[in-house]
C-alpha atoms as a PDB file:
ATOM      1  CA  MET A   1     -49.315 -20.495 -30.528  1.00  0.00           C
ATOM      2  CA  THR A   2     -48.559 -17.860 -27.906  1.00  0.00           C
ATOM      3  CA  HIS A   3     -45.017 -16.645 -28.486  1.00  0.00           C
ATOM      4  CA  VAL A   4     -44.693 -14.235 -25.549  1.00  0.00           C
ATOM      5  CA  SER A   5     -46.334 -14.145 -22.117  1.00  0.00           C
ATOM      6  CA  VAL A   6     -46.157 -10.706 -20.504  1.00  0.00           C
ATOM      7  CA  LEU A   7     -46.500 -10.800 -16.733  1.00  0.00           C
ATOM      8  CA  GLY A   8     -46.891  -7.507 -14.930  1.00  0.00           C
ATOM      9  CA  TYR A   9     -49.290  -4.689 -14.237  1.00  0.00           C
ATOM     10  CA  LEU A  10     -52.080  -2.896 -16.002  1.00  0.00           C
ATOM     11  CA  SER A  11     -52.800   0.591 -14.764  1.00  0.00           C
ATOM     12  CA  ILE A  12     -55.074   3.572 -15.145  1.00  0.00           C
ATOM     13  CA  ASP A  13     -52.666   6.252 -16.347  1.00  0.00           C
ATOM     14  CA  SER A  14     -53.076   9.960 -15.791  1.00  0.00           C
ATOM     15  CA  LEU A  15     -50.887  11.675 -18.409  1.00  0.00           C
ATOM     16  CA  SER A  16     -50.053  15.361 -18.535  1.00  0.00           C
ATOM     17  CA  HIS A  17     -47.818  17.143 -21.050  1.00  0.00           C
ATOM     18  CA  ASP A  18     -46.283  20.578 -20.424  1.00  0.00           C
ATOM     19  CA  GLY A  19     -48.705  21.397 -17.631  1.00  0.00           C
ATOM     20  CA  ARG A  20     -51.863  20.678 -19.619  1.00  0.00           C
ATOM     21  CA  ALA A  21     -54.847  18.979 -18.014  1.00  0.00           C
ATOM     22  CA  ALA A  22     -54.297  15.279 -17.448  1.00  0.00           C
ATOM     23  CA  GLY A  23     -56.156  12.654 -19.455  1.00  0.00           C
ATOM     24  CA  GLN A  24     -56.813   9.106 -18.263  1.00  0.00           C
ATOM     25  CA  GLN A  25     -56.213   6.043 -20.382  1.00  0.00           C
ATOM     26  CA  PRO A  26     -55.181   2.384 -20.128  1.00  0.00           C
ATOM     27  CA  GLY A  27     -51.538   1.835 -19.373  1.00  0.00           C
ATOM     28  CA  GLY A  28     -49.038  -0.176 -17.426  1.00  0.00           C
ATOM     29  CA  ALA A  29     -45.821  -1.859 -18.489  1.00  0.00           C
ATOM     30  CA  ALA A  30     -47.613  -5.135 -19.270  1.00  0.00           C
ATOM     31  CA  LEU A  31     -49.921  -3.371 -21.728  1.00  0.00           C
ATOM     32  CA  TYR A  32     -47.091  -1.614 -23.564  1.00  0.00           C
ATOM     33  CA  ALA A  33     -44.834  -4.702 -23.582  1.00  0.00           C
ATOM     34  CA  ALA A  34     -47.633  -6.828 -25.075  1.00  0.00           C
ATOM     35  CA  LEU A  35     -48.342  -4.178 -27.710  1.00  0.00           C
ATOM     36  CA  GLY A  36     -44.627  -4.055 -28.494  1.00  0.00           C
ATOM     37  CA  ALA A  37     -44.450  -7.831 -28.885  1.00  0.00           C
ATOM     38  CA  ARG A  38     -47.463  -7.773 -31.209  1.00  0.00           C
ATOM     39  CA  HIS A  39     -45.945  -4.946 -33.271  1.00  0.00           C
ATOM     40  CA  ALA A  40     -42.774  -7.027 -33.653  1.00  0.00           C
ATOM     41  CA  GLY A  41     -44.718  -9.947 -35.108  1.00  0.00           C
ATOM     42  CA  ALA A  42     -45.340 -12.176 -32.117  1.00  0.00           C
ATOM     43  CA  ALA A  43     -48.575 -13.509 -30.646  1.00  0.00           C
ATOM     44  CA  PRO A  44     -48.634 -12.210 -27.043  1.00  0.00           C
ATOM     45  CA  GLU A  45     -50.740 -12.771 -23.965  1.00  0.00           C
ATOM     46  CA  ILE A  46     -51.057 -10.616 -20.857  1.00  0.00           C
ATOM     47  CA  VAL A  47     -51.077 -12.167 -17.393  1.00  0.00           C
ATOM     48  CA  ALA A  48     -52.181  -9.474 -14.948  1.00  0.00           C
ATOM     49  CA  SER A  49     -54.986  -8.501 -12.607  1.00  0.00           C
ATOM     50  CA  VAL A  50     -57.134  -5.389 -12.398  1.00  0.00           C
ATOM     51  CA  GLY A  51     -59.619  -3.977  -9.930  1.00  0.00           C
ATOM     52  CA  PRO A  52     -63.332  -3.176 -10.188  1.00  0.00           C
ATOM     53  CA  ASP A  53     -62.429   0.294 -11.485  1.00  0.00           C
ATOM     54  CA  TRP A  54     -60.851  -1.012 -14.727  1.00  0.00           C
ATOM     55  CA  PRO A  55     -63.264  -0.587 -17.693  1.00  0.00           C
ATOM     56  CA  GLU A  56     -64.152  -3.852 -19.409  1.00  0.00           C
ATOM     57  CA  GLY A  57     -64.026  -1.974 -22.723  1.00  0.00           C
ATOM     58  CA  TRP A  58     -60.288  -1.583 -22.303  1.00  0.00           C
ATOM     59  CA  THR A  59     -59.836  -5.354 -21.993  1.00  0.00           C
ATOM     60  CA  ARG A  60     -61.971  -5.896 -25.104  1.00  0.00           C
ATOM     61  CA  ALA A  61     -59.822  -3.368 -26.961  1.00  0.00           C
ATOM     62  CA  LEU A  62     -56.716  -5.431 -26.146  1.00  0.00           C
ATOM     63  CA  SER A  63     -58.375  -8.591 -27.448  1.00  0.00           C
ATOM     64  CA  GLU A  64     -59.499  -6.830 -30.617  1.00  0.00           C
ATOM     65  CA  CYS A  65     -55.904  -5.675 -31.092  1.00  0.00           C
ATOM     66  CA  GLY A  66     -54.678  -9.281 -31.224  1.00  0.00           C
ATOM     67  CA  ILE A  67     -53.518  -9.697 -27.626  1.00  0.00           C
ATOM     68  CA  VAL A  68     -54.769 -12.705 -25.680  1.00  0.00           C
ATOM     69  CA  ALA A  69     -56.386 -11.184 -22.597  1.00  0.00           C
ATOM     70  CA  GLY A  70     -57.785 -14.329 -20.983  1.00  0.00           C
ATOM     71  CA  GLY A  71     -55.110 -14.000 -18.308  1.00  0.00           C
ATOM     72  CA  VAL A  72     -56.438 -10.597 -17.194  1.00  0.00           C
ATOM     73  CA  THR A  73     -58.368 -11.320 -14.007  1.00  0.00           C
ATOM     74  CA  ARG A  74     -60.362  -9.219 -11.549  1.00  0.00           C
ATOM     75  CA  ARG A  75     -59.434  -8.646  -7.926  1.00  0.00           C
ATOM     76  CA  PRO A  76     -61.301  -6.624  -5.284  1.00  0.00           C
ATOM     77  CA  GLU A  77     -58.377  -4.219  -4.809  1.00  0.00           C
ATOM     78  CA  LEU A  78     -58.391  -1.069  -6.938  1.00  0.00           C
ATOM     79  CA  THR A  79     -56.264  -1.004 -10.086  1.00  0.00           C
ATOM     80  CA  ARG A  80     -52.871   0.675  -9.892  1.00  0.00           C
ATOM     81  CA  ARG A  81     -53.084   4.379 -10.679  1.00  0.00           C
ATOM     82  CA  THR A  82     -50.090   6.154 -12.175  1.00  0.00           C
ATOM     83  CA  GLN A  83     -49.433   9.850 -12.639  1.00  0.00           C
ATOM     84  CA  ILE A  84     -46.946  10.767 -15.368  1.00  0.00           C
ATOM     85  CA  LEU A  85     -45.955  14.385 -15.886  1.00  0.00           C
ATOM     86  CA  HIS A  86     -44.022  15.169 -19.063  1.00  0.00           C
ATOM     87  CA  GLY A  87     -42.214  18.489 -19.466  1.00  0.00           C
ATOM     88  CA  LYS A  88     -39.484  19.729 -21.755  1.00  0.00           C
ATOM     89  CA  GLY A  89     -36.915  16.969 -21.488  1.00  0.00           C
ATOM     90  CA  THR A  90     -38.261  15.814 -18.117  1.00  0.00           C
ATOM     91  CA  ARG A  91     -40.571  13.156 -16.748  1.00  0.00           C
ATOM     92  CA  LYS A  92     -41.909  12.907 -13.217  1.00  0.00           C
ATOM     93  CA  SER A  93     -43.790   9.981 -11.693  1.00  0.00           C
ATOM     94  CA  PRO A  94     -44.978  11.057  -8.232  1.00  0.00           C
ATOM     95  CA  HIS A  95     -47.125   7.950  -7.779  1.00  0.00           C
ATOM     96  CA  PHE A  96     -44.041   5.945  -6.756  1.00  0.00           C
ATOM     97  CA  GLN A  97     -44.165   7.579  -3.320  1.00  0.00           C
ATOM     98  CA  ARG A  98     -47.862   7.001  -2.650  1.00  0.00           C
ATOM     99  CA  SER A  99     -48.915   4.317  -0.195  1.00  0.00           C
ATOM    100  CA  GLU A 100     -51.950   3.326  -2.289  1.00  0.00           C
ATOM    101  CA  TRP A 101     -49.706   2.699  -5.304  1.00  0.00           C
ATOM    102  CA  ILE A 102     -47.394   0.470  -3.253  1.00  0.00           C
ATOM    103  CA  ALA A 103     -50.394  -1.400  -1.814  1.00  0.00           C
ATOM    104  CA  ALA A 104     -51.824  -1.999  -5.296  1.00  0.00           C
ATOM    105  CA  THR A 105     -48.386  -3.124  -6.509  1.00  0.00           C
ATOM    106  CA  MET A 106     -48.278  -5.836  -3.866  1.00  0.00           C
ATOM    107  CA  ALA A 107     -51.933  -6.837  -4.301  1.00  0.00           C
ATOM    108  CA  HIS A 108     -51.815  -7.186  -8.087  1.00  0.00           C
ATOM    109  CA  GLN A 109     -48.649  -9.230  -8.548  1.00  0.00           C
ATOM    110  CA  PRO A 110     -49.352 -11.632 -11.443  1.00  0.00           C
ATOM    111  CA  ASN A 111     -49.708 -15.370 -11.033  1.00  0.00           C
ATOM    112  CA  PRO A 112     -47.268 -16.948 -13.528  1.00  0.00           C
ATOM    113  CA  ALA A 113     -48.611 -20.487 -13.195  1.00  0.00           C
ATOM    114  CA  GLY A 114     -50.722 -20.338 -16.340  1.00  0.00           C
ATOM    115  CA  ALA A 115     -48.309 -18.466 -18.615  1.00  0.00           C
ATOM    116  CA  VAL A 116     -47.902 -20.477 -21.841  1.00  0.00           C
ATOM    117  CA  GLY A 117     -45.553 -18.334 -23.958  1.00  0.00           C
ATOM    118  CA  LYS A 118     -42.259 -19.563 -25.388  1.00  0.00           C
ATOM    119  CA  VAL A 119     -40.627 -16.486 -23.820  1.00  0.00           C
ATOM    120  CA  LEU A 120     -41.707 -14.812 -20.583  1.00  0.00           C
ATOM    121  CA  VAL A 121     -41.527 -11.060 -20.018  1.00  0.00           C
ATOM    122  CA  ALA A 122     -41.392  -9.905 -16.411  1.00  0.00           C
ATOM    123  CA  ALA A 123     -42.553  -6.315 -16.659  1.00  0.00           C
ATOM    124  CA  PRO A 124     -41.270  -4.313 -13.659  1.00  0.00           C
ATOM    125  CA  LEU A 125     -42.139  -6.402 -10.596  1.00  0.00           C
ATOM    126  CA  PRO A 126     -41.018  -6.496  -6.987  1.00  0.00           C
ATOM    127  CA  VAL A 127     -38.284  -9.069  -6.548  1.00  0.00           C
ATOM    128  CA  SER A 128     -40.749 -11.516  -5.009  1.00  0.00           C
ATOM    129  CA  GLY A 129     -42.847 -11.341  -8.178  1.00  0.00           C
ATOM    130  CA  LEU A 130     -39.830 -11.668 -10.470  1.00  0.00           C
ATOM    131  CA  THR A 131     -38.652 -14.695  -8.496  1.00  0.00           C
ATOM    132  CA  ALA A 132     -42.057 -16.314  -8.970  1.00  0.00           C
ATOM    133  CA  VAL A 133     -41.806 -15.763 -12.741  1.00  0.00           C
ATOM    134  CA  LEU A 134     -38.322 -17.304 -12.820  1.00  0.00           C
ATOM    135  CA  ASN A 135     -39.494 -20.307 -10.830  1.00  0.00           C
ATOM    136  CA  ALA A 136     -42.386 -20.861 -13.232  1.00  0.00           C
ATOM    137  CA  ALA A 137     -40.293 -20.390 -16.367  1.00  0.00           C
ATOM    138  CA  GLY A 138     -38.495 -23.721 -16.319  1.00  0.00           C
ATOM    139  CA  ASP A 139     -36.092 -23.660 -19.262  1.00  0.00           C
ATOM    140  CA  ARG A 140     -37.917 -20.826 -21.061  1.00  0.00           C
ATOM    141  CA  PRO A 141     -36.087 -17.525 -21.571  1.00  0.00           C
ATOM    142  CA  VAL A 142     -37.051 -14.679 -19.245  1.00  0.00           C
ATOM    143  CA  VAL A 143     -36.704 -11.042 -20.287  1.00  0.00           C
ATOM    144  CA  ALA A 144     -37.032  -8.664 -17.344  1.00  0.00           C
ATOM    145  CA  ASP A 145     -37.396  -4.939 -16.965  1.00  0.00           C
ATOM    146  CA  THR A 146     -37.269  -3.162 -13.606  1.00  0.00           C
ATOM    147  CA  SER A 147     -38.330   0.142 -12.089  1.00  0.00           C
ATOM    148  CA  GLU A 148     -36.724   2.953 -10.160  1.00  0.00           C
ATOM    149  CA  TRP A 149     -38.734   1.884  -7.101  1.00  0.00           C
ATOM    150  CA  VAL A 150     -37.349  -1.665  -7.210  1.00  0.00           C
ATOM    151  CA  SER A 151     -33.835  -0.434  -7.977  1.00  0.00           C
ATOM    152  CA  ALA A 152     -33.933   1.950  -5.024  1.00  0.00           C
ATOM    153  CA  ASN A 153     -35.638  -0.333  -2.499  1.00  0.00           C
ATOM    154  CA  GLU A 154     -34.669  -3.903  -3.456  1.00  0.00           C
ATOM    155  CA  ALA A 155     -31.313  -3.503  -5.172  1.00  0.00           C
ATOM    156  CA  ASP A 156     -29.448  -6.247  -3.313  1.00  0.00           C
ATOM    157  CA  GLU A 157     -32.257  -8.751  -3.800  1.00  0.00           C
ATOM    158  CA  LEU A 158     -32.501  -7.930  -7.509  1.00  0.00           C
ATOM    159  CA  LEU A 159     -28.764  -8.200  -8.080  1.00  0.00           C
ATOM    160  CA  ALA A 160     -28.758 -11.609  -6.380  1.00  0.00           C
ATOM    161  CA  ILE A 161     -31.047 -13.155  -9.026  1.00  0.00           C
ATOM    162  CA  LEU A 162     -29.768 -11.427 -12.188  1.00  0.00           C
ATOM    163  CA  GLY A 163     -27.874 -14.536 -13.229  1.00  0.00           C
ATOM    164  CA  ARG A 164     -31.165 -16.377 -13.747  1.00  0.00           C
ATOM    165  CA  LEU A 165     -32.337 -13.933 -16.418  1.00  0.00           C
ATOM    166  CA  THR A 166     -31.796 -14.237 -20.165  1.00  0.00           C
ATOM    167  CA  ILE A 167     -32.033 -10.496 -20.781  1.00  0.00           C
ATOM    168  CA  PHE A 168     -32.172  -7.671 -18.249  1.00  0.00           C
ATOM    169  CA  ALA A 169     -33.390  -4.371 -19.689  1.00  0.00           C
ATOM    170  CA  PRO A 170     -33.051  -1.485 -17.221  1.00  0.00           C
ATOM    171  CA  SER A 171     -32.954   2.224 -17.995  1.00  0.00           C
ATOM    172  CA  CYS A 172     -29.893   4.354 -17.315  1.00  0.00           C
ATOM    173  CA  GLU A 173     -31.647   5.814 -14.265  1.00  0.00           C
ATOM    174  CA  GLU A 174     -32.163   2.316 -12.886  1.00  0.00           C
ATOM    175  CA  THR A 175     -28.595   1.172 -13.522  1.00  0.00           C
ATOM    176  CA  ARG A 176     -27.348   4.269 -11.699  1.00  0.00           C
ATOM    177  CA  LEU A 177     -29.328   3.171  -8.659  1.00  0.00           C
ATOM    178  CA  LEU A 178     -28.112  -0.419  -8.955  1.00  0.00           C
ATOM    179  CA  CYS A 179     -24.461   0.532  -9.570  1.00  0.00           C
ATOM    180  CA  PRO A 180     -23.853   3.829  -7.745  1.00  0.00           C
ATOM    181  CA  GLY A 181     -20.633   5.578  -8.676  1.00  0.00           C
ATOM    182  CA  LEU A 182     -20.296   3.903 -12.081  1.00  0.00           C
ATOM    183  CA  GLY A 183     -20.820   5.523 -15.464  1.00  0.00           C
ATOM    184  CA  ASP A 184     -23.590   4.179 -17.666  1.00  0.00           C
ATOM    185  CA  ASP A 185     -21.294   2.008 -19.805  1.00  0.00           C
ATOM    186  CA  GLU A 186     -19.454   0.704 -16.751  1.00  0.00           C
ATOM    187  CA  ALA A 187     -22.727  -0.133 -15.012  1.00  0.00           C
ATOM    188  CA  ALA A 188     -23.985  -2.094 -18.007  1.00  0.00           C
ATOM    189  CA  LEU A 189     -20.735  -4.072 -18.159  1.00  0.00           C
ATOM    190  CA  ALA A 190     -20.821  -4.721 -14.411  1.00  0.00           C
ATOM    191  CA  LEU A 191     -24.378  -6.053 -14.579  1.00  0.00           C
ATOM    192  CA  ALA A 192     -23.532  -8.251 -17.573  1.00  0.00           C
ATOM    193  CA  ALA A 193     -20.804  -9.876 -15.489  1.00  0.00           C
ATOM    194  CA  SER A 194     -23.620 -11.538 -13.518  1.00  0.00           C
ATOM    195  CA  GLY A 195     -24.586 -13.521 -16.625  1.00  0.00           C
ATOM    196  CA  PRO A 196     -27.540 -12.026 -18.498  1.00  0.00           C
ATOM    197  CA  CYS A 197     -27.421 -10.006 -21.679  1.00  0.00           C
ATOM    198  CA  ILE A 198     -27.938  -6.380 -20.669  1.00  0.00           C
ATOM    199  CA  VAL A 199     -30.067  -4.073 -22.797  1.00  0.00           C
ATOM    200  CA  GLN A 200     -29.712  -0.625 -21.298  1.00  0.00           C
ATOM    201  CA  LYS A 201     -32.467   1.732 -22.429  1.00  0.00           C
ATOM    202  CA  ARG A 202     -31.231   5.245 -23.170  1.00  0.00           C
ATOM    203  CA  GLY A 203     -34.348   6.974 -24.442  1.00  0.00           C
ATOM    204  CA  ALA A 204     -33.785   9.076 -27.543  1.00  0.00           C
ATOM    205  CA  GLN A 205     -30.174   7.858 -27.730  1.00  0.00           C
ATOM    206  CA  GLY A 206     -31.252   4.263 -28.328  1.00  0.00           C
ATOM    207  CA  LEU A 207     -29.909   1.136 -26.637  1.00  0.00           C
ATOM    208  CA  VAL A 208     -26.656  -0.257 -25.321  1.00  0.00           C
ATOM    209  CA  VAL A 209     -26.428  -4.051 -25.533  1.00  0.00           C
ATOM    210  CA  VAL A 210     -23.786  -5.899 -23.521  1.00  0.00           C
ATOM    211  CA  GLN A 211     -23.105  -9.601 -23.934  1.00  0.00           C
ATOM    212  CA  GLY A 212     -20.213 -10.732 -21.792  1.00  0.00           C
ATOM    213  CA  THR A 213     -17.608  -8.018 -22.291  1.00  0.00           C
ATOM    214  CA  MET A 214     -18.831  -6.896 -25.719  1.00  0.00           C
ATOM    215  CA  LEU A 215     -20.678  -3.568 -25.726  1.00  0.00           C
ATOM    216  CA  HIS A 216     -22.787  -2.526 -28.729  1.00  0.00           C
ATOM    217  CA  ARG A 217     -24.419   0.885 -29.258  1.00  0.00           C
ATOM    218  CA  LEU A 218     -27.676   0.933 -31.201  1.00  0.00           C
ATOM    219  CA  SER A 219     -29.004   4.323 -32.273  1.00  0.00           C
ATOM    220  CA  ALA A 220     -32.713   5.069 -31.974  1.00  0.00           C
ATOM    221  CA  HIS A 221     -34.670   5.387 -35.197  1.00  0.00           C
ATOM    222  CA  PRO A 222     -35.823   8.875 -36.216  1.00  0.00           C
ATOM    223  CA  ALA A 223     -39.313   9.529 -34.915  1.00  0.00           C
ATOM    224  CA  ARG A 224     -41.827  12.307 -34.441  1.00  0.00           C
ATOM    225  CA  VAL A 225     -42.323  12.237 -30.679  1.00  0.00           C
ATOM    226  CA  VAL A 226     -45.888  12.811 -29.537  1.00  0.00           C
ATOM    227  CA  ASP A 227     -45.760  10.930 -26.230  1.00  0.00           C
ATOM    228  CA  PRO A 228     -42.869   8.771 -24.936  1.00  0.00           C
ATOM    229  CA  THR A 229     -45.008   6.960 -22.358  1.00  0.00           C
ATOM    230  CA  GLY A 230     -44.456   3.201 -22.512  1.00  0.00           C
ATOM    231  CA  ALA A 231     -41.859   3.269 -25.278  1.00  0.00           C
ATOM    232  CA  GLY A 232     -39.236   1.476 -23.200  1.00  0.00           C
ATOM    233  CA  ASP A 233     -41.739  -1.175 -22.151  1.00  0.00           C
ATOM    234  CA  ALA A 234     -42.754  -1.677 -25.791  1.00  0.00           C
ATOM    235  CA  VAL A 235     -39.102  -2.175 -26.757  1.00  0.00           C
ATOM    236  CA  VAL A 236     -38.743  -4.836 -24.064  1.00  0.00           C
ATOM    237  CA  GLY A 237     -41.786  -6.669 -25.439  1.00  0.00           C
ATOM    238  CA  ALA A 238     -40.408  -6.422 -28.968  1.00  0.00           C
ATOM    239  CA  ILE A 239     -37.071  -7.865 -27.845  1.00  0.00           C
ATOM    240  CA  ALA A 240     -38.888 -10.824 -26.315  1.00  0.00           C
ATOM    241  CA  ALA A 241     -40.781 -11.251 -29.589  1.00  0.00           C
ATOM    242  CA  GLY A 242     -37.488 -11.368 -31.452  1.00  0.00           C
ATOM    243  CA  LEU A 243     -36.194 -14.111 -29.147  1.00  0.00           C
ATOM    244  CA  ALA A 244     -39.400 -16.105 -29.592  1.00  0.00           C
ATOM    245  CA  LEU A 245     -39.089 -15.785 -33.367  1.00  0.00           C
ATOM    246  CA  GLY A 246     -35.483 -17.020 -33.384  1.00  0.00           C
ATOM    247  CA  LEU A 247     -33.351 -13.863 -33.256  1.00  0.00           C
ATOM    248  CA  THR A 248     -30.273 -13.479 -31.094  1.00  0.00           C
ATOM    249  CA  PRO A 249     -30.509 -10.890 -28.281  1.00  0.00           C
ATOM    250  CA  LEU A 250     -28.476  -8.347 -30.267  1.00  0.00           C
ATOM    251  CA  PHE A 251     -30.535  -8.683 -33.443  1.00  0.00           C
ATOM    252  CA  ALA A 252     -33.751  -8.725 -31.408  1.00  0.00           C
ATOM    253  CA  ALA A 253     -32.713  -5.414 -29.822  1.00  0.00           C
ATOM    254  CA  GLN A 254     -31.876  -3.925 -33.212  1.00  0.00           C
ATOM    255  CA  ALA A 255     -35.279  -4.937 -34.582  1.00  0.00           C
ATOM    256  CA  ALA A 256     -37.056  -3.604 -31.493  1.00  0.00           C
ATOM    257  CA  LEU A 257     -35.934  -0.048 -32.235  1.00  0.00           C
ATOM    258  CA  THR A 258     -38.582   0.089 -34.971  1.00  0.00           C
ATOM    259  CA  THR A 259     -41.223  -0.633 -32.361  1.00  0.00           C
ATOM    260  CA  GLY A 260     -39.828   2.086 -30.114  1.00  0.00           C
ATOM    261  CA  ALA A 261     -40.165   4.660 -32.900  1.00  0.00           C
ATOM    262  CA  HIS A 262     -43.813   3.705 -33.419  1.00  0.00           C
ATOM    263  CA  ALA A 263     -44.542   3.766 -29.687  1.00  0.00           C
ATOM    264  CA  VAL A 264     -43.742   7.474 -29.348  1.00  0.00           C
ATOM    265  CA  SER A 265     -45.758   8.492 -32.426  1.00  0.00           C
ATOM    266  CA  GLY A 266     -49.155   8.655 -30.708  1.00  0.00           C
ATOM    267  CA  MET A 267     -50.689   9.528 -27.359  1.00  0.00           C
ATOM    268  CA  GLY A 268     -50.371   6.662 -24.916  1.00  0.00           C
ATOM    269  CA  PRO A 269     -50.885   3.259 -26.556  1.00  0.00           C
ATOM    270  CA  VAL A 270     -52.369   4.701 -29.765  1.00  0.00           C
ATOM    271  CA  GLY A 271     -48.974   4.721 -31.520  1.00  0.00           C
ATOM    272  CA  LEU A 272     -48.859   0.934 -31.194  1.00  0.00           C
ATOM    273  CA  GLY A 273     -52.298   0.414 -32.676  1.00  0.00           C
ATOM    274  CA  LEU A 274     -54.553   0.149 -29.626  1.00  0.00           C
ATOM    275  CA  SER A 275     -57.891   1.752 -30.393  1.00  0.00           C
ATOM    276  CA  VAL A 276     -59.047   2.956 -26.984  1.00  0.00           C
ATOM    277  CA  PRO A 277     -62.844   3.205 -26.741  1.00  0.00           C
ATOM    278  CA  ALA A 278     -64.360   6.562 -25.827  1.00  0.00           C
ATOM    279  CA  GLN A 279     -65.246   5.363 -22.365  1.00  0.00           C
ATOM    280  CA  THR A 280     -64.799   7.027 -19.015  1.00  0.00           C
ATOM    281  CA  ILE A 281     -63.654   5.074 -15.994  1.00  0.00           C
ATOM    282  CA  PRO A 282     -66.402   3.875 -13.654  1.00  0.00           C
ATOM    283  CA  GLU A 283     -66.217   6.607 -11.014  1.00  0.00           C
ATOM    284  CA  GLU A 284     -66.629   9.238 -13.726  1.00  0.00           C
ATOM    285  CA  ILE A 285     -69.730   7.457 -15.008  1.00  0.00           C
ATOM    286  CA  LEU A 286     -71.168   7.446 -11.501  1.00  0.00           C
END
């Protein structure tokens, strides 16, 4: 049985820490959410598309890790490329402003028609993609993340469909864009008034969970931080796993903090158990 279907993007990530030379590795919110769901005890699948530049060895590594990758399809458009720059207490993602990233985002929206999981995860998608996931879900729960790009460019459209979600899991930065002028707690409460349970990701501080008018603070687990890339996405996948395995949203969020601590313990997806083959991407081979 597939417990969780993760619908979103796979990407070729270029990661740099404290100004050091960037290394390239598999990434994307769908990858980290699926790894998080697997870490939390669920059987996940990924529904996503990649371009001709995505190494087949990376897809095999996902399958060998216990993630159903039959829903990973090829398209002629190049895979999304992300650039993530980590500094002391900072993170920059300049790819959000690049036209080729936006074009790949639109080209590689996942097709939710074949998703078979008990719970669907909509990794950050444009509102058109999220709407397609909701339409395909039927009566299945949908857990959705978002991105700063969506929150800045499609805020009204996103807010209009929040009531159809089971859980909405934005970061503080995203809720500030969606609810300008409100503090972080106030923004979470305002979003919860639309209907979904809100899980507000606060990085090293942990999570804030709001159900109705009840606000709960969940502290992050102690962890040795090697690389925070994808930790929030992994937590979202773990929350969906908890729902699929019968937990309430609050208890699923509490359990997911263990996954978050593991996610930051290695470089990229290594902390969550993905053994990335020593393989360069195709243009480097050529």
